[in-house]
Amino acid sequence: MLTAYPENVGILAIEIYFPKRYVDQAELEKHDKVSTGKYTIGLGQTKMGFCDDREAVQNLVEKYKISYKDIGRLEVGTETIILMKLFAESNNTEVEGIDTTNACYGGTNALFNALNWIESSSWDGRYALVVAGDIAVYASGPARPTGGAGCVAMLLGKDAPIVFDRDKPNLTSEFPEVDGHLSNECYLKSLDLCYNRYLEKLITKENCENPSVKSFDYFLFHTPYCKLIQKSFGRLLYNDFIRKSDDPIFESVQKFKSMKSEETYKSKDLEKAFIGISKTEYENKVKPTLLAATEIGNMYCASLYGCLAAALSIIPTDELPIPEIQESLDILNRLKSRIEVTPEKFEEVMNLREKTHGKMDFQAVGDGSSLEDTFFKGTYYLDTIDSKWRRTYKPGGVVAGSLTAKLMSALGTIGSVIPFLQSVDTTSFSALSYITSSLTGAHGGFVIEDLTEDKGDEKQERRFNLNYIHYFINITYCSTQIRIIIINMKSLISENEHGFLC
């Protein structure tokens, strides 16, 4: 047991994984014989990643060139029940952790569990690995284009460059039960509650005067589909309008001031009006963070963290100096290296997944495509499920990311205790705190404070404080260098057994 609590606990490395193959949503519209723009405009999706029966959501730690022996905790957040293996192969049988299968909150809960372990007296000095990911598939019909697949892995430890202070009721089917309209309404109601509670905290606890959408630089949302996020961002402007309707920006929407709250959730006129007045802010503060979501689709537990990875990859380095992470993520080039398949092939693969779901004692064969055309290097794919439901995976080629190589070079030899990181040319954050009682209403919230002391011309690390905020996720506010809001809600409504998209 360590004698001192670690400092600056957080993310040492982050990696996003998505399938090598995708279907173009415009082509899928033609195949499904629906109106042009139903998926590309109505859902805001351009492409959708998908998997056959051989692909799981994990992208394993060899990508990071980290020894399994140096990992003491594995937390998996997923909406899909999955199994973990491979640690025994390094003779590491002392690994703590659980799988969290709590709708889309699973990834955030896994992150909090891992952070708590490192900050506790139980920590043995090793890394924690958090994996948040899902394969989102729907039965053939209107919900299928809202699918997708992806996974985000985060390696946690002390002295890190980035520091933090949908229900499937029928487990015999891979498809969730969907009530899309109710799901969207629940998302917006949760958004209203989260946003207003958070603004009240800024006013009462942080002495921020008249906080609003204008107070923040970037917004990250849990993203079932991108059009919902555009509507949701407009909804934030509606909440600002209710709080301060005399702002000149709201001159064109005064007629909605007297509309009853319950009616606003179903009013297309109101929705359209606030999407309109929020368009410029949306283009600058939200759309760039939807890079992965637009191209890949719904990743359930990984959706929020996919937006985080996208944000970290596009924020100018003069605002957030993390060049190693940006170089390693390389999201845009990786997306361009995927292979497009026809809607007919996509449908064939979906039928294959449905046919093999829940089977045991079988060999996964895929859809006939070669391994090279199906998987990126570094992907572990399902080979067999035996008569006792034990899964066997085979590895593809493993490529180490540049971020990992640099991190390992800086860290030196990893033993049972991670050595103090002497110097890293990246933004440094410090301290995690969060309110456990807030977990009932949303995925949670973060706020970064700039703690950097002014030392004149003296060279120094920028240091930030990332704190958990009740019900709402936000990175930075007021006068700090970089501001981001992350919204990731879990429905407050009791009808969530219907399998809401959020």
Protein backbone atom coordinates (compact mmCIF):
# COMPACT_ATOMS: atom_id res chain seq x y z
CA MET A 1 0.00 0.00 0.00
CA LEU A 2 1.31 3.45 -0.89
CA THR A 3 1.90 5.91 1.94
CA ALA A 4 0.90 9.07 0.08
CA TYR A 5 -2.02 9.89 -2.17
CA PRO A 6 -1.07 10.54 -5.81
CA GLU A 7 -1.37 13.97 -7.38
CA ASN A 8 -2.69 15.06 -10.76
CA VAL A 9 -4.57 11.84 -11.41
CA GLY A 10 -6.02 11.64 -14.89
CA ILE A 11 -5.59 10.62 -18.51
CA LEU A 12 -2.08 9.70 -19.64
CA ALA A 13 -3.24 8.54 -23.07
CA ILE A 14 -6.52 8.33 -24.97
CA GLU A 15 -7.35 6.27 -28.04
CA ILE A 16 -10.49 6.00 -30.15
CA TYR A 17 -11.26 2.88 -32.15
CA PHE A 18 -13.85 2.52 -34.89
CA PRO A 19 -14.55 -0.14 -37.53
CA LYS A 20 -12.64 -0.10 -40.80
CA ARG A 21 -15.82 -0.41 -42.85
CA TYR A 22 -18.69 2.03 -43.16
CA VAL A 23 -21.87 2.54 -45.17
CA ASP A 24 -22.63 5.92 -46.74
CA GLN A 25 -25.92 7.27 -45.37
CA ALA A 26 -26.87 8.89 -48.70
CA GLU A 27 -26.53 5.50 -50.41
CA LEU A 28 -28.47 3.90 -47.58
CA GLU A 29 -31.31 6.37 -48.21
CA LYS A 30 -31.53 5.14 -51.81
CA HIS A 31 -31.35 1.50 -50.74
CA ASP A 32 -34.08 1.95 -48.13
CA LYS A 33 -36.22 3.91 -50.63
CA VAL A 34 -36.68 6.87 -48.29
CA SER A 35 -36.68 10.55 -49.19
CA THR A 36 -33.34 12.18 -49.99
CA GLY A 37 -31.90 13.77 -46.85
CA LYS A 38 -33.90 11.69 -44.35
CA TYR A 39 -30.69 10.31 -42.82
CA THR A 40 -28.09 12.86 -43.94
CA ILE A 41 -30.14 15.94 -42.99
CA GLY A 42 -32.88 14.57 -40.74
CA LEU A 43 -30.39 12.68 -38.57
CA GLY A 44 -27.31 14.73 -39.43
CA GLN A 45 -25.29 11.61 -40.23
CA THR A 46 -22.99 11.19 -43.25
CA LYS A 47 -21.57 7.70 -42.65
CA MET A 48 -22.08 4.80 -40.25
CA GLY A 49 -19.49 2.33 -39.02
CA PHE A 50 -20.52 -1.28 -38.49
CA CYS A 51 -19.13 -4.68 -37.49
CA ASP A 52 -19.66 -8.26 -38.55
CA ASP A 53 -19.89 -11.24 -36.18
CA ARG A 54 -16.12 -11.27 -35.54
CA GLU A 55 -15.61 -7.79 -34.18
CA ALA A 56 -15.83 -6.75 -30.53
CA VAL A 57 -15.68 -3.22 -29.13
CA GLN A 58 -12.22 -3.50 -27.56
CA ASN A 59 -9.05 -1.96 -28.94
CA LEU A 60 -6.44 -3.59 -26.74
CA VAL A 61 -3.54 -2.10 -24.85
CA GLU A 62 -0.81 -3.34 -27.19
CA LYS A 63 -1.60 -0.19 -29.19
CA TYR A 64 -0.09 1.68 -26.27
CA LYS A 65 2.96 -0.57 -25.80
CA ILE A 66 1.97 -0.91 -22.16
CA SER A 67 2.68 -4.16 -20.35
CA TYR A 68 -0.37 -5.86 -18.93
CA LYS A 69 1.63 -6.30 -15.72
CA ASP A 70 1.59 -2.54 -15.22
CA ILE A 71 -2.21 -2.37 -15.18
CA GLY A 72 -3.89 -2.97 -11.86
CA ARG A 73 -7.47 -2.10 -12.70
CA LEU A 74 -9.63 -2.57 -15.77
CA GLU A 75 -12.98 -0.80 -15.92
CA VAL A 76 -15.27 -1.45 -18.85
CA GLY A 77 -18.25 0.79 -19.44
CA THR A 78 -20.64 -0.60 -22.00
CA GLU A 79 -24.27 -1.02 -22.90
CA THR A 80 -23.30 -4.36 -24.41
CA ILE A 81 -22.29 -7.20 -22.11
CA ILE A 82 -18.69 -8.12 -23.06
CA LEU A 83 -15.87 -10.24 -21.65
CA MET A 84 -12.24 -9.35 -20.82
CA LYS A 85 -9.23 -11.60 -21.41
CA LEU A 86 -5.47 -11.39 -22.11
CA PHE A 87 -4.13 -10.34 -18.69
CA ALA A 88 -3.48 -13.97 -17.76
CA GLU A 89 -1.15 -14.27 -20.74
CA SER A 90 1.24 -11.84 -19.01
CA ASN A 91 0.87 -13.78 -15.74
CA ASN A 92 -1.06 -10.86 -14.30
CA THR A 93 -3.97 -12.33 -12.40
CA GLU A 94 -4.18 -9.48 -9.91
CA VAL A 95 -6.45 -7.06 -11.73
CA GLU A 96 -9.40 -5.36 -10.10
CA GLY A 97 -12.41 -3.83 -11.82
CA ILE A 98 -15.87 -4.56 -13.12
CA ASP A 99 -17.99 -4.20 -16.25
CA THR A 100 -20.58 -1.44 -15.92
CA THR A 101 -23.69 -2.01 -18.03
CA ASN A 102 -25.83 0.96 -17.08
CA ALA A 103 -27.10 2.38 -20.37
CA CYS A 104 -24.90 5.13 -21.79
CA TYR A 105 -23.72 6.12 -18.30
CA GLY A 106 -21.53 3.01 -18.13
CA GLY A 107 -18.46 4.71 -19.59
CA THR A 108 -18.56 7.64 -17.19
CA ASN A 109 -19.14 5.36 -14.22
CA ALA A 110 -16.15 3.24 -15.28
CA LEU A 111 -14.02 6.40 -15.43
CA PHE A 112 -15.07 7.49 -11.95
CA ASN A 113 -14.45 4.03 -10.50
CA ALA A 114 -10.92 3.98 -11.91
CA LEU A 115 -10.12 7.50 -10.71
CA ASN A 116 -11.42 6.69 -7.24
CA TRP A 117 -9.21 3.59 -7.10
CA ILE A 118 -6.06 5.56 -7.95
CA GLU A 119 -6.90 8.24 -5.40
CA SER A 120 -7.68 5.71 -2.66
CA SER A 121 -5.58 3.91 -0.07
CA SER A 122 -6.16 0.72 -2.09
CA TRP A 123 -4.06 1.92 -5.03
CA ASP A 124 -0.93 -0.17 -5.63
CA GLY A 125 0.80 2.26 -8.00
CA ARG A 126 -0.22 0.66 -11.28
CA TYR A 127 -2.20 2.13 -14.15
CA ALA A 128 -5.94 1.87 -14.58
CA LEU A 129 -7.40 1.21 -18.01
CA VAL A 130 -10.90 2.46 -18.82
CA VAL A 131 -12.66 1.14 -21.90
CA ALA A 132 -15.95 2.73 -22.98
CA GLY A 133 -17.57 1.37 -26.06
CA ASP A 134 -20.49 -0.26 -27.77
CA ILE A 135 -21.81 -1.64 -31.00
CA ALA A 136 -25.13 0.10 -31.67
CA VAL A 137 -27.33 -1.97 -33.95
CA TYR A 138 -31.05 -1.76 -34.58
CA ALA A 139 -33.58 -3.94 -36.31
CA SER A 140 -34.25 -3.18 -39.96
CA GLY A 141 -36.40 -0.07 -40.11
CA PRO A 142 -36.30 3.64 -39.21
CA ALA A 143 -33.97 3.20 -36.22
CA ARG A 144 -31.22 1.30 -38.08
CA PRO A 145 -29.55 4.45 -39.57
CA THR A 146 -28.97 5.73 -36.01
CA GLY A 147 -26.58 2.86 -35.31
CA GLY A 148 -22.80 2.81 -35.25
CA ALA A 149 -19.88 1.32 -33.38
CA GLY A 150 -16.85 2.63 -31.56
CA CYS A 151 -14.71 2.46 -28.49
CA VAL A 152 -12.59 4.90 -26.49
CA ALA A 153 -9.82 3.66 -24.19
CA MET A 154 -8.20 5.86 -21.55
CA LEU A 155 -5.03 5.01 -19.63
CA LEU A 156 -5.16 6.59 -16.17
CA GLY A 157 -2.40 7.32 -13.71
CA LYS A 158 -0.82 10.07 -11.66
CA ASP A 159 0.99 13.15 -12.99
CA ALA A 160 -1.10 13.08 -16.15
CA PRO A 161 -1.35 15.72 -18.88
CA ILE A 162 -5.17 15.66 -18.68
CA VAL A 163 -6.62 15.23 -15.20
CA PHE A 164 -10.08 14.83 -13.77
CA ASP A 165 -10.39 16.11 -9.82
CA ARG A 166 -29.93 3.18 -23.29
CA ASP A 167 -31.44 0.32 -21.79
CA LYS A 168 -31.59 -3.12 -23.42
CA PRO A 169 -34.44 -4.87 -21.58
CA ASN A 170 -34.48 -7.91 -23.89
CA LEU A 171 -31.07 -9.56 -23.56
CA THR A 172 -32.02 -12.32 -26.00
CA SER A 173 -31.84 -9.77 -28.81
CA GLU A 174 -29.02 -7.46 -29.84
CA PHE A 175 -31.57 -4.80 -30.74
CA PRO A 176 -32.87 -2.32 -28.12
CA GLU A 177 -36.54 -1.52 -27.74
CA VAL A 178 -37.01 1.94 -29.23
CA ASP A 179 -39.49 4.73 -28.59
CA GLY A 180 -37.72 7.48 -30.50
CA HIS A 181 -40.06 10.41 -29.82
CA LEU A 182 -40.20 9.71 -26.10
CA SER A 183 -36.44 9.23 -26.03
CA ASN A 184 -35.80 12.62 -27.63
CA GLU A 185 -38.20 14.36 -25.28
CA CYS A 186 -36.52 12.78 -22.26
CA TYR A 187 -33.14 13.92 -23.56
CA LEU A 188 -34.33 17.53 -23.85
CA LYS A 189 -36.02 17.49 -20.44
CA SER A 190 -32.83 16.19 -18.86
CA LEU A 191 -30.88 18.85 -20.74
CA ASP A 192 -33.09 21.63 -19.36
CA LEU A 193 -32.72 20.34 -15.82
CA CYS A 194 -28.97 19.84 -16.05
CA TYR A 195 -28.26 23.19 -17.67
CA ASN A 196 -30.34 25.28 -15.30
CA ARG A 197 -29.02 23.54 -12.20
CA TYR A 198 -25.50 24.08 -13.40
CA LEU A 199 -26.02 27.78 -14.14
CA GLU A 200 -27.45 28.23 -10.66
CA LYS A 201 -24.27 26.73 -9.22
CA LEU A 202 -22.15 29.13 -11.25
CA ILE A 203 -24.16 32.05 -9.89
CA THR A 204 -24.32 30.98 -6.24
CA LYS A 205 -20.98 29.23 -5.78
CA GLU A 206 -18.68 30.77 -8.37
CA ASN A 207 -20.09 34.31 -8.48
CA CYS A 208 -20.41 34.21 -12.27
CA GLU A 209 -22.73 36.97 -13.41
CA ASN A 210 -25.40 36.03 -15.97
CA PRO A 211 -23.79 32.82 -17.26
CA SER A 212 -25.13 31.62 -20.60
CA VAL A 213 -24.12 29.79 -23.76
CA LYS A 214 -21.87 32.78 -24.51
CA SER A 215 -19.78 31.91 -21.43
CA PHE A 216 -18.33 28.78 -23.00
CA ASP A 217 -16.04 28.03 -25.93
CA TYR A 218 -16.88 24.40 -26.77
CA PHE A 219 -19.76 22.02 -26.05
CA LEU A 220 -19.55 18.22 -26.08
CA PHE A 221 -22.69 16.09 -25.97
CA HIS A 222 -23.58 12.46 -25.60
CA THR A 223 -24.57 11.91 -29.23
CA PRO A 224 -27.19 9.34 -30.29
CA TYR A 225 -27.34 11.15 -33.64
CA CYS A 226 -26.03 14.55 -34.65
CA LYS A 227 -29.30 16.28 -35.53
CA LEU A 228 -30.44 15.80 -31.94
CA ILE A 229 -27.35 17.68 -30.81
CA GLN A 230 -28.15 20.64 -33.04
CA LYS A 231 -31.65 20.69 -31.57
CA SER A 232 -30.23 20.36 -28.06
CA PHE A 233 -27.82 23.25 -28.52
CA GLY A 234 -30.74 25.37 -29.73
CA ARG A 235 -32.55 24.25 -26.59
CA LEU A 236 -29.76 25.76 -24.48
CA LEU A 237 -30.46 29.09 -26.19
CA TYR A 238 -34.14 28.64 -25.31
CA ASN A 239 -33.18 28.21 -21.67
CA ASP A 240 -31.06 31.37 -21.86
CA PHE A 241 -34.09 33.11 -23.42
CA ILE A 242 -36.31 32.14 -20.49
CA ARG A 243 -33.70 33.46 -18.06
CA LYS A 244 -32.99 36.71 -19.89
CA SER A 245 -35.51 37.33 -22.66
CA ASP A 246 -34.54 41.00 -23.12
CA ASP A 247 -31.20 40.08 -24.69
CA PRO A 248 -31.20 41.54 -28.25
CA ILE A 249 -30.35 38.11 -29.70
CA PHE A 250 -33.88 36.97 -28.77
CA GLU A 251 -35.76 39.76 -30.54
CA SER A 252 -37.14 37.39 -33.21
CA VAL A 253 -38.43 34.74 -30.76
CA GLN A 254 -40.44 36.82 -28.29
CA LYS A 255 -43.67 35.08 -29.34
CA PHE A 256 -42.48 31.92 -27.58
CA LYS A 257 -42.14 33.61 -24.19
CA SER A 258 -45.67 32.72 -23.08
CA MET A 259 -45.64 29.14 -24.39
CA LYS A 260 -46.18 26.55 -21.67
CA SER A 261 -43.07 24.53 -20.84
CA GLU A 262 -44.61 21.15 -21.73
CA GLU A 263 -45.70 22.46 -25.12
CA THR A 264 -42.19 23.58 -26.04
CA TYR A 265 -40.94 20.00 -26.34
CA LYS A 266 -43.35 19.31 -29.20
CA SER A 267 -43.25 22.69 -30.95
CA LYS A 268 -41.46 22.42 -34.31
CA ASP A 269 -41.73 26.20 -34.76
CA LEU A 270 -39.86 26.82 -31.52
CA GLU A 271 -37.28 24.18 -32.34
CA LYS A 272 -36.64 25.67 -35.78
CA ALA A 273 -36.44 29.23 -34.44
CA PHE A 274 -33.82 28.45 -31.81
CA ILE A 275 -31.79 26.28 -34.17
CA GLY A 276 -31.75 29.35 -36.39
CA ILE A 277 -30.51 31.87 -33.83
CA SER A 278 -27.95 29.40 -32.46
CA LYS A 279 -26.50 28.46 -35.86
CA THR A 280 -23.31 30.54 -35.68
CA GLU A 281 -22.48 29.42 -32.14
CA TYR A 282 -23.26 25.82 -33.10
CA GLU A 283 -20.90 25.93 -36.09
CA ASN A 284 -18.06 27.24 -33.92
CA LYS A 285 -18.62 25.54 -30.56
CA VAL A 286 -20.30 22.21 -31.30
CA LYS A 287 -19.99 21.00 -34.89
CA PRO A 288 -16.18 20.52 -34.83
CA THR A 289 -16.53 18.16 -31.86
CA LEU A 290 -18.98 15.95 -33.80
CA LEU A 291 -16.34 14.77 -36.27
CA ALA A 292 -16.34 11.18 -35.04
CA ALA A 293 -20.07 11.02 -34.35
CA THR A 294 -20.98 12.28 -37.83
CA GLU A 295 -18.70 9.79 -39.56
CA ILE A 296 -19.17 6.76 -37.29
CA GLY A 297 -22.63 7.00 -35.73
CA ASN A 298 -23.86 6.13 -32.26
CA MET A 299 -21.26 4.61 -29.94
CA TYR A 300 -23.51 4.50 -26.84
CA CYS A 301 -21.12 4.58 -23.85
CA ALA A 302 -18.28 5.90 -26.00
CA SER A 303 -20.30 8.70 -27.62
CA LEU A 304 -19.36 11.45 -25.17
CA TYR A 305 -15.73 10.40 -25.08
CA GLY A 306 -15.62 10.16 -28.87
CA CYS A 307 -16.58 13.84 -28.88
CA LEU A 308 -13.87 14.50 -26.30
CA ALA A 309 -11.30 12.78 -28.51
CA ALA A 310 -12.50 14.82 -31.49
CA ALA A 311 -12.30 18.04 -29.48
CA LEU A 312 -8.79 17.28 -28.28
CA SER A 313 -7.76 16.66 -31.88
CA ILE A 314 -9.07 20.00 -33.25
CA ILE A 315 -8.53 22.55 -30.48
CA PRO A 316 -5.62 24.81 -31.51
CA THR A 317 -2.42 23.97 -29.67
CA ASP A 318 -2.01 27.58 -28.57
CA GLU A 319 -5.23 27.13 -26.57
CA LEU A 320 -4.58 23.60 -25.31
CA PRO A 321 -0.97 22.47 -25.90
CA ILE A 322 -1.26 18.68 -26.19
CA PRO A 323 0.52 17.94 -29.51
CA GLU A 324 1.38 14.35 -28.54
CA ILE A 325 -2.25 13.42 -27.99
CA GLN A 326 -3.34 15.17 -31.18
CA GLU A 327 -0.65 13.40 -33.20
CA SER A 328 -1.57 10.01 -31.78
CA LEU A 329 -5.33 10.42 -32.28
CA ASP A 330 -4.97 11.43 -35.96
CA ILE A 331 -8.74 10.98 -36.27
CA LEU A 332 -9.28 12.67 -39.63
CA ASN A 333 -6.66 10.61 -41.50
CA ARG A 334 -7.84 7.41 -39.87
CA LEU A 335 -11.42 8.11 -40.91
CA LYS A 336 -10.24 8.69 -44.47
CA SER A 337 -8.49 5.30 -44.49
CA ARG A 338 -11.73 3.35 -44.01
CA ILE A 339 -13.42 1.28 -46.69
CA GLU A 340 -16.90 2.09 -47.97
CA VAL A 341 -19.28 -0.81 -48.59
CA THR A 342 -22.62 -0.89 -50.36
CA PRO A 343 -25.93 -0.78 -48.47
CA GLU A 344 -26.58 -4.31 -49.75
CA LYS A 345 -23.37 -5.54 -48.12
CA PHE A 346 -24.22 -3.63 -44.94
CA GLU A 347 -27.62 -5.31 -44.80
CA GLU A 348 -25.98 -8.70 -45.34
CA VAL A 349 -23.64 -8.10 -42.39
CA MET A 350 -26.51 -6.94 -40.16
CA ASN A 351 -28.41 -10.12 -41.00
CA LEU A 352 -25.30 -12.14 -40.12
CA ARG A 353 -25.02 -10.44 -36.72
CA GLU A 354 -28.69 -11.12 -36.02
CA LYS A 355 -28.32 -14.76 -37.03
CA THR A 356 -25.28 -15.40 -34.81
CA HIS A 357 -26.32 -13.30 -31.80
CA GLY A 358 -26.55 -15.37 -28.63
CA LYS A 359 -25.02 -18.48 -30.20
CA MET A 360 -22.49 -20.70 -28.49
CA ASP A 361 -20.18 -23.44 -29.73
CA PHE A 362 -19.59 -21.74 -33.05
CA GLN A 363 -16.82 -20.35 -35.22
CA ALA A 364 -17.16 -16.72 -36.28
CA VAL A 365 -16.54 -16.59 -40.02
CA GLY A 366 -17.48 -13.07 -41.01
CA ASP A 367 -19.17 -12.14 -44.25
CA GLY A 368 -16.46 -13.40 -46.59
CA SER A 369 -14.40 -10.20 -46.66
CA SER A 370 -10.68 -10.53 -46.03
CA LEU A 371 -9.20 -9.65 -42.65
CA GLU A 372 -7.29 -6.82 -44.29
CA ASP A 373 -10.50 -5.29 -45.66
CA THR A 374 -12.42 -5.81 -42.43
CA PHE A 375 -10.07 -4.80 -39.62
CA PHE A 376 -7.48 -2.14 -38.92
CA LYS A 377 -4.10 -3.29 -37.67
CA GLY A 378 -4.26 -3.63 -33.91
CA THR A 379 -7.79 -5.04 -33.87
CA TYR A 380 -8.58 -8.19 -31.90
CA TYR A 381 -11.41 -10.09 -33.51
CA LEU A 382 -13.66 -12.87 -32.25
CA ASP A 383 -12.62 -16.34 -33.40
CA THR A 384 -14.77 -18.80 -31.45
CA ILE A 385 -17.34 -19.12 -28.67
CA ASP A 386 -17.18 -22.55 -27.08
CA SER A 387 -19.90 -24.65 -25.45
CA LYS A 388 -19.33 -22.88 -22.12
CA TRP A 389 -19.71 -19.42 -23.70
CA ARG A 390 -15.96 -18.74 -23.47
CA ARG A 391 -14.70 -16.39 -26.16
CA THR A 392 -11.39 -16.66 -27.99
CA TYR A 393 -9.95 -13.68 -29.81
CA LYS A 394 -7.21 -13.48 -32.43
CA PRO A 395 -4.94 -10.46 -32.78
CA GLY A 396 -4.30 -8.46 -35.89
CA GLY A 397 -1.04 -6.59 -36.43
CA VAL A 398 -0.19 -4.23 -33.60
CA VAL A 399 1.01 -0.70 -34.23
CA ALA A 400 2.25 1.47 -31.38
CA GLY A 401 0.97 5.03 -31.33
CA SER A 402 3.47 7.88 -31.19
CA LEU A 403 1.86 9.25 -28.03
CA THR A 404 2.51 5.99 -26.24
CA ALA A 405 6.14 5.86 -27.28
CA LYS A 406 6.68 9.39 -26.01
CA LEU A 407 4.83 8.72 -22.77
CA MET A 408 6.82 5.59 -22.12
CA SER A 409 10.05 7.40 -22.90
CA ALA A 410 9.15 10.11 -20.43
CA LEU A 411 8.02 7.66 -17.77
CA GLY A 412 11.02 5.38 -18.10
CA THR A 413 10.84 1.82 -16.82
CA ILE A 414 7.49 1.04 -15.27
CA GLY A 415 7.63 -0.94 -12.08
CA SER A 416 4.99 -1.68 -9.49
CA VAL A 417 4.81 2.05 -8.77
CA ILE A 418 4.60 4.70 -11.47
CA PRO A 419 7.55 7.09 -11.02
CA PHE A 420 6.99 10.81 -10.77
CA LEU A 421 6.77 12.40 -14.19
CA GLN A 422 9.45 15.07 -14.12
CA SER A 423 8.60 17.04 -17.24
CA VAL A 424 6.02 16.85 -19.99
CA ASP A 425 5.49 19.51 -22.65
CA THR A 426 1.73 19.37 -22.42
CA THR A 427 -0.97 21.14 -20.48
CA SER A 428 -1.11 19.89 -16.91
CA PHE A 429 -4.25 19.56 -14.85
CA SER A 430 -4.67 18.93 -11.15
CA ALA A 431 -7.15 17.48 -8.68
CA LEU A 432 -10.40 15.60 -9.05
CA SER A 433 -13.47 15.99 -6.90
CA TYR A 434 -17.04 15.01 -7.62
CA ILE A 435 -20.42 14.61 -5.96
CA THR A 436 -21.60 11.02 -5.93
CA SER A 437 -25.20 12.01 -5.21
CA SER A 438 -25.38 13.65 -8.63
CA LEU A 439 -25.21 10.37 -10.47
CA THR A 440 -28.98 9.90 -10.37
CA GLY A 441 -29.81 12.55 -12.94
CA ALA A 442 -27.06 12.63 -15.54
CA HIS A 443 -23.67 11.36 -16.51
CA GLY A 444 -22.02 14.08 -14.48
CA GLY A 445 -20.00 17.18 -15.01
CA PHE A 446 -16.51 18.59 -15.04
CA VAL A 447 -15.24 22.12 -14.61
CA ILE A 448 -11.68 23.23 -15.20
CA GLU A 449 -10.19 26.14 -13.30
CA ASP A 450 -6.95 27.76 -14.40
CA LEU A 451 -4.58 27.40 -11.44
CA THR A 452 -1.47 28.64 -13.20
CA GLU A 453 0.40 31.18 -11.11
CA ASP A 454 1.71 34.33 -12.76
CA LYS A 455 5.51 34.16 -12.55
CA GLY A 456 6.34 36.77 -15.15
CA ASP A 457 8.75 35.53 -17.79
CA GLU A 458 9.58 32.37 -15.86
CA LYS A 459 8.84 29.21 -17.88
CA GLN A 460 6.10 27.18 -16.23
CA GLU A 461 3.52 24.51 -16.86
CA ARG A 462 -0.07 25.59 -17.27
CA ARG A 463 -2.06 23.88 -14.56
CA PHE A 464 -5.79 23.40 -14.42
CA ASN A 465 -8.25 21.97 -11.93
CA LEU A 466 -10.95 19.68 -13.27
CA ASN A 467 -13.85 19.26 -10.85
CA TYR A 468 -16.99 17.19 -11.08
CA ILE A 469 -20.15 19.30 -11.14
CA HIS A 470 -23.59 18.12 -10.05
CA TYR A 471 -25.64 16.86 -13.01
CA PHE A 472 -23.74 18.72 -15.73
CA ILE A 473 -20.47 18.27 -17.53
CA ASN A 474 -18.36 21.29 -18.39
CA ILE A 475 -14.71 21.98 -18.94
CA THR A 476 -13.83 25.51 -17.88
CA TYR A 477 -15.81 28.67 -17.45
CA CYS A 478 -15.39 32.40 -16.70
CA SER A 479 -11.92 33.72 -17.59
CA THR A 480 -9.86 30.56 -18.10
CA GLN A 481 -7.93 29.62 -21.20
CA ILE A 482 -10.08 26.86 -22.68
CA ARG A 483 -13.74 26.20 -22.03
CA ILE A 484 -15.73 23.11 -22.89
CA ILE A 485 -19.14 21.85 -21.82
CA ILE A 486 -19.83 18.14 -21.99
CA ILE A 487 -23.47 17.14 -21.79
CA ASN A 488 -24.15 13.45 -21.26
CA MET A 489 -27.53 12.70 -19.78
CA LYS A 490 -29.27 9.68 -18.39
CA SER A 491 -33.04 9.86 -18.54
CA LEU A 492 -34.80 10.96 -15.36
CA ILE A 493 -38.09 9.54 -16.56
CA SER A 494 -39.32 6.27 -15.13
CA GLU A 495 -40.31 4.92 -18.56
CA ASN A 496 -36.68 4.19 -19.43
CA GLU A 497 -37.40 0.48 -19.71
CA HIS A 498 -38.44 1.31 -23.28
CA GLY A 499 -34.80 1.69 -24.28
CA PHE A 500 -34.27 5.37 -24.91
CA LEU A 501 -31.68 6.46 -27.46
CA CYS A 502 -30.10 8.74 -24.89
